[in-house]
Amino acid sequence: ERGRADELAAAYATKAITMAEWLTARDPIQARITDLERRLARVTN
């Protein structure tokens, strides 16, 4: 998921997508990252 977030940022940086498209795609990826971090933290604890 972090790799997808990086690829998305790179696409915006090279103007392959617009700001609106970047924001639309970013939010669900970030939500999955947050959830995975929380679940991994629980396992770690």
ModelCIF file with pLDDT and N, C-alpha, C, O atoms, coordinates in Angstrom:
data_MODEL
#
_entry.id   MODEL 
#
_entity.id                         1 
_entity.type                       polymer 
_entity.pdbx_number_of_molecules   1 
#
_entity_poly.entity_id                      1 
_entity_poly.type                           'polypeptide(L)' 
_entity_poly.nstd_linkage                   no 
_entity_poly.nstd_monomer                   no 
_entity_poly.pdbx_seq_one_letter_code       ERGRADELAAAYATKAITMAEWLTARDPIQARITDLERRLARVTN 
_entity_poly.pdbx_seq_one_letter_code_can   ERGRADELAAAYATKAITMAEWLTARDPIQARITDLERRLARVTN 
_entity_poly.pdbx_strand_id                 A 
#
loop_
_entity_poly_seq.entity_id 
_entity_poly_seq.num 
_entity_poly_seq.mon_id 
_entity_poly_seq.hetero 
1 1  GLU n 
1 2  ARG n 
1 3  GLY n 
1 4  ARG n 
1 5  ALA n 
1 6  ASP n 
1 7  GLU n 
1 8  LEU n 
1 9  ALA n 
1 10 ALA n 
1 11 ALA n 
1 12 TYR n 
1 13 ALA n 
1 14 THR n 
1 15 LYS n 
1 16 ALA n 
1 17 ILE n 
1 18 THR n 
1 19 MET n 
1 20 ALA n 
1 21 GLU n 
1 22 TRP n 
1 23 LEU n 
1 24 THR n 
1 25 ALA n 
1 26 ARG n 
1 27 ASP n 
1 28 PRO n 
1 29 ILE n 
1 30 GLN n 
1 31 ALA n 
1 32 ARG n 
1 33 ILE n 
1 34 THR n 
1 35 ASP n 
1 36 LEU n 
1 37 GLU n 
1 38 ARG n 
1 39 ARG n 
1 40 LEU n 
1 41 ALA n 
1 42 ARG n 
1 43 VAL n 
1 44 THR n 
1 45 ASN n 
#
_struct_asym.id          A 
_struct_asym.entity_id   1 
#
loop_
_ma_qa_metric.id 
_ma_qa_metric.mode 
_ma_qa_metric.name 
_ma_qa_metric.software_group_id 
_ma_qa_metric.type 
1 global pLDDT . pLDDT 
2 local  pLDDT . pLDDT 
#
_ma_qa_metric_global.metric_id      1 
_ma_qa_metric_global.metric_value   79.73 
_ma_qa_metric_global.model_id       1 
_ma_qa_metric_global.ordinal_id     1 
#
loop_
_ma_qa_metric_local.label_asym_id 
_ma_qa_metric_local.label_comp_id 
_ma_qa_metric_local.label_seq_id 
_ma_qa_metric_local.metric_id 
_ma_qa_metric_local.metric_value 
_ma_qa_metric_local.model_id 
_ma_qa_metric_local.ordinal_id 
A GLU 1  2 84.00 1 1  
A ARG 2  2 78.00 1 2  
A GLY 3  2 80.00 1 3  
A ARG 4  2 85.00 1 4  
A ALA 5  2 83.00 1 5  
A ASP 6  2 80.00 1 6  
A GLU 7  2 85.00 1 7  
A LEU 8  2 85.00 1 8  
A ALA 9  2 81.00 1 9  
A ALA 10 2 81.00 1 10 
A ALA 11 2 83.00 1 11 
A TYR 12 2 81.00 1 12 
A ALA 13 2 80.00 1 13 
A THR 14 2 84.00 1 14 
A LYS 15 2 86.00 1 15 
A ALA 16 2 88.00 1 16 
A ILE 17 2 88.00 1 17 
A THR 18 2 88.00 1 18 
A MET 19 2 84.00 1 19 
A ALA 20 2 86.00 1 20 
A GLU 21 2 88.00 1 21 
A TRP 22 2 85.00 1 22 
A LEU 23 2 85.00 1 23 
A THR 24 2 89.00 1 24 
A ALA 25 2 88.00 1 25 
A ARG 26 2 87.00 1 26 
A ASP 27 2 87.00 1 27 
A PRO 28 2 89.00 1 28 
A ILE 29 2 88.00 1 29 
A GLN 30 2 85.00 1 30 
A ALA 31 2 84.00 1 31 
A ARG 32 2 85.00 1 32 
A ILE 33 2 81.00 1 33 
A THR 34 2 76.00 1 34 
A ASP 35 2 76.00 1 35 
A LEU 36 2 76.00 1 36 
A GLU 37 2 69.00 1 37 
A ARG 38 2 67.00 1 38 
A ARG 39 2 69.00 1 39 
A LEU 40 2 66.00 1 40 
A ALA 41 2 60.00 1 41 
A ARG 42 2 61.00 1 42 
A VAL 43 2 61.00 1 43 
A THR 44 2 57.00 1 44 
A ASN 45 2 59.00 1 45 
#
loop_
_atom_site.group_PDB 
_atom_site.id 
_atom_site.type_symbol 
_atom_site.label_atom_id 
_atom_site.label_alt_id 
_atom_site.label_comp_id 
_atom_site.label_asym_id 
_atom_site.label_entity_id 
_atom_site.label_seq_id 
_atom_site.pdbx_PDB_ins_code 
_atom_site.Cartn_x 
_atom_site.Cartn_y 
_atom_site.Cartn_z 
_atom_site.occupancy 
_atom_site.B_iso_or_equiv 
_atom_site.pdbx_formal_charge 
_atom_site.auth_seq_id 
_atom_site.auth_comp_id 
_atom_site.auth_asym_id 
_atom_site.auth_atom_id 
_atom_site.pdbx_PDB_model_num 
ATOM 1   N N  . GLU A 1 1  ? 0.826  -1.208 0.000   1.00 84.00 ? 1  GLU A N  1 
ATOM 2   C CA . GLU A 1 1  ? 0.000  0.000  0.000   1.00 84.00 ? 1  GLU A CA 1 
ATOM 3   C C  . GLU A 1 1  ? 0.861  1.260  0.000   1.00 84.00 ? 1  GLU A C  1 
ATOM 4   O O  . GLU A 1 1  ? 0.533  2.236  -0.675  1.00 84.00 ? 1  GLU A O  1 
ATOM 5   N N  . ARG A 1 2  ? 1.948  1.244  0.745   1.00 78.00 ? 2  ARG A N  1 
ATOM 6   C CA . ARG A 1 2  ? 2.847  2.397  0.727   1.00 78.00 ? 2  ARG A CA 1 
ATOM 7   C C  . ARG A 1 2  ? 3.477  2.566  -0.659  1.00 78.00 ? 2  ARG A C  1 
ATOM 8   O O  . ARG A 1 2  ? 3.698  3.686  -1.119  1.00 78.00 ? 2  ARG A O  1 
ATOM 9   N N  . GLY A 1 3  ? 3.757  1.450  -1.307  1.00 80.00 ? 3  GLY A N  1 
ATOM 10  C CA . GLY A 1 3  ? 4.271  1.529  -2.666  1.00 80.00 ? 3  GLY A CA 1 
ATOM 11  C C  . GLY A 1 3  ? 3.256  2.151  -3.615  1.00 80.00 ? 3  GLY A C  1 
ATOM 12  O O  . GLY A 1 3  ? 3.622  2.940  -4.487  1.00 80.00 ? 3  GLY A O  1 
ATOM 13  N N  . ARG A 1 4  ? 1.981  1.799  -3.450  1.00 85.00 ? 4  ARG A N  1 
ATOM 14  C CA . ARG A 1 4  ? 0.929  2.400  -4.282  1.00 85.00 ? 4  ARG A CA 1 
ATOM 15  C C  . ARG A 1 4  ? 0.847  3.903  -4.034  1.00 85.00 ? 4  ARG A C  1 
ATOM 16  O O  . ARG A 1 4  ? 0.672  4.687  -4.967  1.00 85.00 ? 4  ARG A O  1 
ATOM 17  N N  . ALA A 1 5  ? 0.974  4.297  -2.766  1.00 83.00 ? 5  ALA A N  1 
ATOM 18  C CA . ALA A 1 5  ? 0.927  5.727  -2.443  1.00 83.00 ? 5  ALA A CA 1 
ATOM 19  C C  . ALA A 1 5  ? 2.086  6.466  -3.104  1.00 83.00 ? 5  ALA A C  1 
ATOM 20  O O  . ALA A 1 5  ? 1.919  7.576  -3.609  1.00 83.00 ? 5  ALA A O  1 
ATOM 21  N N  . ASP A 1 6  ? 3.264  5.839  -3.095  1.00 80.00 ? 6  ASP A N  1 
ATOM 22  C CA . ASP A 1 6  ? 4.425  6.467  -3.740  1.00 80.00 ? 6  ASP A CA 1 
ATOM 23  C C  . ASP A 1 6  ? 4.223  6.572  -5.254  1.00 80.00 ? 6  ASP A C  1 
ATOM 24  O O  . ASP A 1 6  ? 4.536  7.599  -5.855  1.00 80.00 ? 6  ASP A O  1 
ATOM 25  N N  . GLU A 1 7  ? 3.700  5.506  -5.867  1.00 85.00 ? 7  GLU A N  1 
ATOM 26  C CA . GLU A 1 7  ? 3.447  5.530  -7.311  1.00 85.00 ? 7  GLU A CA 1 
ATOM 27  C C  . GLU A 1 7  ? 2.432  6.612  -7.671  1.00 85.00 ? 7  GLU A C  1 
ATOM 28  O O  . GLU A 1 7  ? 2.568  7.295  -8.687  1.00 85.00 ? 7  GLU A O  1 
ATOM 29  N N  . LEU A 1 8  ? 1.414  6.759  -6.827  1.00 85.00 ? 8  LEU A N  1 
ATOM 30  C CA . LEU A 1 8  ? 0.398  7.777  -7.073  1.00 85.00 ? 8  LEU A CA 1 
ATOM 31  C C  . LEU A 1 8  ? 1.000  9.177  -6.993  1.00 85.00 ? 8  LEU A C  1 
ATOM 32  O O  . LEU A 1 8  ? 0.705  10.033 -7.826  1.00 85.00 ? 8  LEU A O  1 
ATOM 33  N N  . ALA A 1 9  ? 1.847  9.406  -5.984  1.00 81.00 ? 9  ALA A N  1 
ATOM 34  C CA . ALA A 1 9  ? 2.490  10.713 -5.856  1.00 81.00 ? 9  ALA A CA 1 
ATOM 35  C C  . ALA A 1 9  ? 3.391  10.994 -7.052  1.00 81.00 ? 9  ALA A C  1 
ATOM 36  O O  . ALA A 1 9  ? 3.450  12.121 -7.543  1.00 81.00 ? 9  ALA A O  1 
ATOM 37  N N  . ALA A 1 10 ? 4.100  9.950  -7.522  1.00 81.00 ? 10 ALA A N  1 
ATOM 38  C CA . ALA A 1 10 ? 4.972  10.123 -8.679  1.00 81.00 ? 10 ALA A CA 1 
ATOM 39  C C  . ALA A 1 10 ? 4.162  10.469 -9.931  1.00 81.00 ? 10 ALA A C  1 
ATOM 40  O O  . ALA A 1 10 ? 4.596  11.274 -10.755 1.00 81.00 ? 10 ALA A O  1 
ATOM 41  N N  . ALA A 1 11 ? 2.982  9.854  -10.066 1.00 83.00 ? 11 ALA A N  1 
ATOM 42  C CA . ALA A 1 11 ? 2.125  10.151 -11.222 1.00 83.00 ? 11 ALA A CA 1 
ATOM 43  C C  . ALA A 1 11 ? 1.671  11.602 -11.207 1.00 83.00 ? 11 ALA A C  1 
ATOM 44  O O  . ALA A 1 11 ? 1.597  12.247 -12.252 1.00 83.00 ? 11 ALA A O  1 
ATOM 45  N N  . TYR A 1 12 ? 1.366  12.116 -10.007 1.00 81.00 ? 12 TYR A N  1 
ATOM 46  C CA . TYR A 1 12 ? 0.969  13.519 -9.920  1.00 81.00 ? 12 TYR A CA 1 
ATOM 47  C C  . TYR A 1 12 ? 2.163  14.439 -10.199 1.00 81.00 ? 12 TYR A C  1 
ATOM 48  O O  . TYR A 1 12 ? 2.026  15.474 -10.850 1.00 81.00 ? 12 TYR A O  1 
ATOM 49  N N  . ALA A 1 13 ? 3.341  14.038 -9.692  1.00 80.00 ? 13 ALA A N  1 
ATOM 50  C CA . ALA A 1 13 ? 4.528  14.869 -9.881  1.00 80.00 ? 13 ALA A CA 1 
ATOM 51  C C  . ALA A 1 13 ? 4.892  15.007 -11.357 1.00 80.00 ? 13 ALA A C  1 
ATOM 52  O O  . ALA A 1 13 ? 5.394  16.048 -11.780 1.00 80.00 ? 13 ALA A O  1 
ATOM 53  N N  . THR A 1 14 ? 4.640  13.961 -12.136 1.00 84.00 ? 14 THR A N  1 
ATOM 54  C CA . THR A 1 14 ? 4.958  14.010 -13.568 1.00 84.00 ? 14 THR A CA 1 
ATOM 55  C C  . THR A 1 14 ? 3.774  14.505 -14.408 1.00 84.00 ? 14 THR A C  1 
ATOM 56  O O  . THR A 1 14 ? 3.820  14.476 -15.638 1.00 84.00 ? 14 THR A O  1 
ATOM 57  N N  . LYS A 1 15 ? 2.714  14.961 -13.726 1.00 86.00 ? 15 LYS A N  1 
ATOM 58  C CA . LYS A 1 15 ? 1.518  15.519 -14.372 1.00 86.00 ? 15 LYS A CA 1 
ATOM 59  C C  . LYS A 1 15 ? 0.749  14.474 -15.176 1.00 86.00 ? 15 LYS A C  1 
ATOM 60  O O  . LYS A 1 15 ? 0.025  14.813 -16.112 1.00 86.00 ? 15 LYS A O  1 
ATOM 61  N N  . ALA A 1 16 ? 0.907  13.197 -14.805 1.00 88.00 ? 16 ALA A N  1 
ATOM 62  C CA . ALA A 1 16 ? 0.138  12.144 -15.464 1.00 88.00 ? 16 ALA A CA 1 
ATOM 63  C C  . ALA A 1 16 ? -1.314 12.156 -14.991 1.00 88.00 ? 16 ALA A C  1 
ATOM 64  O O  . ALA A 1 16 ? -2.210 11.708 -15.706 1.00 88.00 ? 16 ALA A O  1 
ATOM 65  N N  . ILE A 1 17 ? -1.540 12.676 -13.772 1.00 88.00 ? 17 ILE A N  1 
ATOM 66  C CA . ILE A 1 17 ? -2.898 12.812 -13.243 1.00 88.00 ? 17 ILE A CA 1 
ATOM 67  C C  . ILE A 1 17 ? -3.041 14.208 -12.661 1.00 88.00 ? 17 ILE A C  1 
ATOM 68  O O  . ILE A 1 17 ? -2.046 14.886 -12.406 1.00 88.00 ? 17 ILE A O  1 
ATOM 69  N N  . THR A 1 18 ? -4.277 14.635 -12.453 1.00 88.00 ? 18 THR A N  1 
ATOM 70  C CA . THR A 1 18 ? -4.553 15.954 -11.902 1.00 88.00 ? 18 THR A CA 1 
ATOM 71  C C  . THR A 1 18 ? -4.580 15.889 -10.373 1.00 88.00 ? 18 THR A C  1 
ATOM 72  O O  . THR A 1 18 ? -4.568 14.809 -9.784  1.00 88.00 ? 18 THR A O  1 
ATOM 73  N N  . MET A 1 19 ? -4.617 17.068 -9.745  1.00 84.00 ? 19 MET A N  1 
ATOM 74  C CA . MET A 1 19 ? -4.717 17.124 -8.292  1.00 84.00 ? 19 MET A CA 1 
ATOM 75  C C  . MET A 1 19 ? -5.984 16.443 -7.808  1.00 84.00 ? 19 MET A C  1 
ATOM 76  O O  . MET A 1 19 ? -5.952 15.704 -6.824  1.00 84.00 ? 19 MET A O  1 
ATOM 77  N N  . ALA A 1 20 ? -7.108 16.682 -8.492  1.00 86.00 ? 20 ALA A N  1 
ATOM 78  C CA . ALA A 1 20 ? -8.386 16.071 -8.094  1.00 86.00 ? 20 ALA A CA 1 
ATOM 79  C C  . ALA A 1 20 ? -8.302 14.544 -8.171  1.00 86.00 ? 20 ALA A C  1 
ATOM 80  O O  . ALA A 1 20 ? -8.796 13.844 -7.287  1.00 86.00 ? 20 ALA A O  1 
ATOM 81  N N  . GLU A 1 21 ? -7.678 14.038 -9.228  1.00 88.00 ? 21 GLU A N  1 
ATOM 82  C CA . GLU A 1 21 ? -7.535 12.586 -9.373  1.00 88.00 ? 21 GLU A CA 1 
ATOM 83  C C  . GLU A 1 21 ? -6.624 12.025 -8.287  1.00 88.00 ? 21 GLU A C  1 
ATOM 84  O O  . GLU A 1 21 ? -6.872 10.943 -7.755  1.00 88.00 ? 21 GLU A O  1 
ATOM 85  N N  . TRP A 1 22 ? -5.579 12.763 -7.965  1.00 85.00 ? 22 TRP A N  1 
ATOM 86  C CA . TRP A 1 22 ? -4.650 12.311 -6.915  1.00 85.00 ? 22 TRP A CA 1 
ATOM 87  C C  . TRP A 1 22 ? -5.360 12.232 -5.572  1.00 85.00 ? 22 TRP A C  1 
ATOM 88  O O  . TRP A 1 22 ? -5.220 11.244 -4.850  1.00 85.00 ? 22 TRP A O  1 
ATOM 89  N N  . LEU A 1 23 ? -6.128 13.279 -5.231  1.00 85.00 ? 23 LEU A N  1 
ATOM 90  C CA . LEU A 1 23 ? -6.833 13.293 -3.953  1.00 85.00 ? 23 LEU A CA 1 
ATOM 91  C C  . LEU A 1 23 ? -7.868 12.177 -3.882  1.00 85.00 ? 23 LEU A C  1 
ATOM 92  O O  . LEU A 1 23 ? -8.028 11.539 -2.841  1.00 85.00 ? 23 LEU A O  1 
ATOM 93  N N  . THR A 1 24 ? -8.562 11.944 -4.978  1.00 89.00 ? 24 THR A N  1 
ATOM 94  C CA . THR A 1 24 ? -9.583 10.888 -5.003  1.00 89.00 ? 24 THR A CA 1 
ATOM 95  C C  . THR A 1 24 ? -8.967 9.518  -4.774  1.00 89.00 ? 24 THR A C  1 
ATOM 96  O O  . THR A 1 24 ? -9.519 8.702  -4.036  1.00 89.00 ? 24 THR A O  1 
ATOM 97  N N  . ALA A 1 25 ? -7.836 9.265  -5.397  1.00 88.00 ? 25 ALA A N  1 
ATOM 98  C CA . ALA A 1 25 ? -7.183 7.955  -5.262  1.00 88.00 ? 25 ALA A CA 1 
ATOM 99  C C  . ALA A 1 25 ? -6.419 7.823  -3.954  1.00 88.00 ? 25 ALA A C  1 
ATOM 100 O O  . ALA A 1 25 ? -6.268 6.721  -3.428  1.00 88.00 ? 25 ALA A O  1 
ATOM 101 N N  . ARG A 1 26 ? -5.936 8.947  -3.428  1.00 87.00 ? 26 ARG A N  1 
ATOM 102 C CA . ARG A 1 26 ? -5.092 8.889  -2.230  1.00 87.00 ? 26 ARG A CA 1 
ATOM 103 C C  . ARG A 1 26 ? -5.871 8.461  -1.001  1.00 87.00 ? 26 ARG A C  1 
ATOM 104 O O  . ARG A 1 26 ? -5.376 7.651  -0.218  1.00 87.00 ? 26 ARG A O  1 
ATOM 105 N N  . ASP A 1 27 ? -7.085 8.983  -0.808  1.00 87.00 ? 27 ASP A N  1 
ATOM 106 C CA . ASP A 1 27 ? -7.816 8.771  0.442   1.00 87.00 ? 27 ASP A CA 1 
ATOM 107 C C  . ASP A 1 27 ? -8.061 7.301  0.765   1.00 87.00 ? 27 ASP A C  1 
ATOM 108 O O  . ASP A 1 27 ? -7.804 6.895  1.899   1.00 87.00 ? 27 ASP A O  1 
ATOM 109 N N  . PRO A 1 28 ? -8.547 6.478  -0.173  1.00 89.00 ? 28 PRO A N  1 
ATOM 110 C CA . PRO A 1 28 ? -8.737 5.061  0.177   1.00 89.00 ? 28 PRO A CA 1 
ATOM 111 C C  . PRO A 1 28 ? -7.416 4.337  0.449   1.00 89.00 ? 28 PRO A C  1 
ATOM 112 O O  . PRO A 1 28 ? -7.365 3.443  1.294   1.00 89.00 ? 28 PRO A O  1 
ATOM 113 N N  . ILE A 1 29 ? -6.360 4.712  -0.253  1.00 88.00 ? 29 ILE A N  1 
ATOM 114 C CA . ILE A 1 29 ? -5.059 4.087  0.015   1.00 88.00 ? 29 ILE A CA 1 
ATOM 115 C C  . ILE A 1 29 ? -4.592 4.445  1.417   1.00 88.00 ? 29 ILE A C  1 
ATOM 116 O O  . ILE A 1 29 ? -4.123 3.583  2.160   1.00 88.00 ? 29 ILE A O  1 
ATOM 117 N N  . GLN A 1 30 ? -4.720 5.727  1.782   1.00 85.00 ? 30 GLN A N  1 
ATOM 118 C CA . GLN A 1 30 ? -4.292 6.144  3.109   1.00 85.00 ? 30 GLN A CA 1 
ATOM 119 C C  . GLN A 1 30 ? -5.130 5.483  4.202   1.00 85.00 ? 30 GLN A C  1 
ATOM 120 O O  . GLN A 1 30 ? -4.617 5.165  5.275   1.00 85.00 ? 30 GLN A O  1 
ATOM 121 N N  . ALA A 1 31 ? -6.419 5.278  3.927   1.00 84.00 ? 31 ALA A N  1 
ATOM 122 C CA . ALA A 1 31 ? -7.272 4.605  4.905   1.00 84.00 ? 31 ALA A CA 1 
ATOM 123 C C  . ALA A 1 31 ? -6.808 3.166  5.120   1.00 84.00 ? 31 ALA A C  1 
ATOM 124 O O  . ALA A 1 31 ? -6.784 2.682  6.252   1.00 84.00 ? 31 ALA A O  1 
ATOM 125 N N  . ARG A 1 32 ? -6.437 2.482  4.030   1.00 85.00 ? 32 ARG A N  1 
ATOM 126 C CA . ARG A 1 32 ? -5.941 1.112  4.165   1.00 85.00 ? 32 ARG A CA 1 
ATOM 127 C C  . ARG A 1 32 ? -4.611 1.081  4.909   1.00 85.00 ? 32 ARG A C  1 
ATOM 128 O O  . ARG A 1 32 ? -4.370 0.182  5.715   1.00 85.00 ? 32 ARG A O  1 
ATOM 129 N N  . ILE A 1 33 ? -3.745 2.060  4.642   1.00 81.00 ? 33 ILE A N  1 
ATOM 130 C CA . ILE A 1 33 ? -2.461 2.128  5.343   1.00 81.00 ? 33 ILE A CA 1 
ATOM 131 C C  . ILE A 1 33 ? -2.683 2.308  6.833   1.00 81.00 ? 33 ILE A C  1 
ATOM 132 O O  . ILE A 1 33 ? -2.045 1.634  7.642   1.00 81.00 ? 33 ILE A O  1 
ATOM 133 N N  . THR A 1 34 ? -3.581 3.209  7.205   1.00 76.00 ? 34 THR A N  1 
ATOM 134 C CA . THR A 1 34 ? -3.870 3.450  8.624   1.00 76.00 ? 34 THR A CA 1 
ATOM 135 C C  . THR A 1 34 ? -4.405 2.200  9.296   1.00 76.00 ? 34 THR A C  1 
ATOM 136 O O  . THR A 1 34 ? -4.003 1.872  10.413  1.00 76.00 ? 34 THR A O  1 
ATOM 137 N N  . ASP A 1 35 ? -5.313 1.497  8.621   1.00 76.00 ? 35 ASP A N  1 
ATOM 138 C CA . ASP A 1 35 ? -5.881 0.282  9.196   1.00 76.00 ? 35 ASP A CA 1 
ATOM 139 C C  . ASP A 1 35 ? -4.833 -0.806 9.354   1.00 76.00 ? 35 ASP A C  1 
ATOM 140 O O  . ASP A 1 35 ? -4.800 -1.491 10.376  1.00 76.00 ? 35 ASP A O  1 
ATOM 141 N N  . LEU A 1 36 ? -3.975 -0.972 8.352   1.00 76.00 ? 36 LEU A N  1 
ATOM 142 C CA . LEU A 1 36 ? -2.925 -1.988 8.434   1.00 76.00 ? 36 LEU A CA 1 
ATOM 143 C C  . LEU A 1 36 ? -1.929 -1.658 9.532   1.00 76.00 ? 36 LEU A C  1 
ATOM 144 O O  . LEU A 1 36 ? -1.470 -2.559 10.234  1.00 76.00 ? 36 LEU A O  1 
ATOM 145 N N  . GLU A 1 37 ? -1.585 -0.391 9.695   1.00 69.00 ? 37 GLU A N  1 
ATOM 146 C CA . GLU A 1 37 ? -0.676 0.013  10.762  1.00 69.00 ? 37 GLU A CA 1 
ATOM 147 C C  . GLU A 1 37 ? -1.275 -0.291 12.129  1.00 69.00 ? 37 GLU A C  1 
ATOM 148 O O  . GLU A 1 37 ? -0.577 -0.748 13.034  1.00 69.00 ? 37 GLU A O  1 
ATOM 149 N N  . ARG A 1 38 ? -2.577 -0.032 12.274  1.00 67.00 ? 38 ARG A N  1 
ATOM 150 C CA . ARG A 1 38 ? -3.248 -0.325 13.543  1.00 67.00 ? 38 ARG A CA 1 
ATOM 151 C C  . ARG A 1 38 ? -3.245 -1.828 13.828  1.00 67.00 ? 38 ARG A C  1 
ATOM 152 O O  . ARG A 1 38 ? -2.965 -2.247 14.952  1.00 67.00 ? 38 ARG A O  1 
ATOM 153 N N  . ARG A 1 39 ? -3.558 -2.645 12.806  1.00 69.00 ? 39 ARG A N  1 
ATOM 154 C CA . ARG A 1 39 ? -3.594 -4.093 12.995  1.00 69.00 ? 39 ARG A CA 1 
ATOM 155 C C  . ARG A 1 39 ? -2.206 -4.647 13.287  1.00 69.00 ? 39 ARG A C  1 
ATOM 156 O O  . ARG A 1 39 ? -2.053 -5.535 14.125  1.00 69.00 ? 39 ARG A O  1 
ATOM 157 N N  . LEU A 1 40 ? -1.193 -4.122 12.595  1.00 66.00 ? 40 LEU A N  1 
ATOM 158 C CA . LEU A 1 40 ? 0.160  -4.591 12.837  1.00 66.00 ? 40 LEU A CA 1 
ATOM 159 C C  . LEU A 1 40 ? 0.627  -4.188 14.226  1.00 66.00 ? 40 LEU A C  1 
ATOM 160 O O  . LEU A 1 40 ? 1.346  -4.942 14.882  1.00 66.00 ? 40 LEU A O  1 
ATOM 161 N N  . ALA A 1 41 ? 0.226  -3.007 14.679  1.00 60.00 ? 41 ALA A N  1 
ATOM 162 C CA . ALA A 1 41 ? 0.579  -2.573 16.032  1.00 60.00 ? 41 ALA A CA 1 
ATOM 163 C C  . ALA A 1 41 ? -0.036 -3.510 17.071  1.00 60.00 ? 41 ALA A C  1 
ATOM 164 O O  . ALA A 1 41 ? 0.595  -3.826 18.080  1.00 60.00 ? 41 ALA A O  1 
ATOM 165 N N  . ARG A 1 42 ? -1.277 -3.953 16.818  1.00 61.00 ? 42 ARG A N  1 
ATOM 166 C CA . ARG A 1 42 ? -1.921 -4.885 17.754  1.00 61.00 ? 42 ARG A CA 1 
ATOM 167 C C  . ARG A 1 42 ? -1.150 -6.191 17.822  1.00 61.00 ? 42 ARG A C  1 
ATOM 168 O O  . ARG A 1 42 ? -0.930 -6.732 18.906  1.00 61.00 ? 42 ARG A O  1 
ATOM 169 N N  . VAL A 1 43 ? -0.741 -6.696 16.672  1.00 61.00 ? 43 VAL A N  1 
ATOM 170 C CA . VAL A 1 43 ? 0.043  -7.931 16.645  1.00 61.00 ? 43 VAL A CA 1 
ATOM 171 C C  . VAL A 1 43 ? 1.360  -7.742 17.379  1.00 61.00 ? 43 VAL A C  1 
ATOM 172 O O  . VAL A 1 43 ? 1.780  -8.605 18.150  1.00 61.00 ? 43 VAL A O  1 
ATOM 173 N N  . THR A 1 44 ? 2.009  -6.607 17.137  1.00 57.00 ? 44 THR A N  1 
ATOM 174 C CA . THR A 1 44 ? 3.288  -6.332 17.781  1.00 57.00 ? 44 THR A CA 1 
ATOM 175 C C  . THR A 1 44 ? 3.157  -6.285 19.292  1.00 57.00 ? 44 THR A C  1 
ATOM 176 O O  . THR A 1 44 ? 4.021  -6.788 20.011  1.00 57.00 ? 44 THR A O  1 
ATOM 177 N N  . ASN A 1 45 ? 2.079  -5.681 19.775  1.00 59.00 ? 45 ASN A N  1 
ATOM 178 C CA . ASN A 1 45 ? 1.923  -5.534 21.217  1.00 59.00 ? 45 ASN A CA 1 
ATOM 179 C C  . ASN A 1 45 ? 1.819  -6.866 21.930  1.00 59.00 ? 45 ASN A C  1 
ATOM 180 O O  . ASN A 1 45 ? 1.684  -6.903 23.153  1.00 59.00 ? 45 ASN A O  1 
#
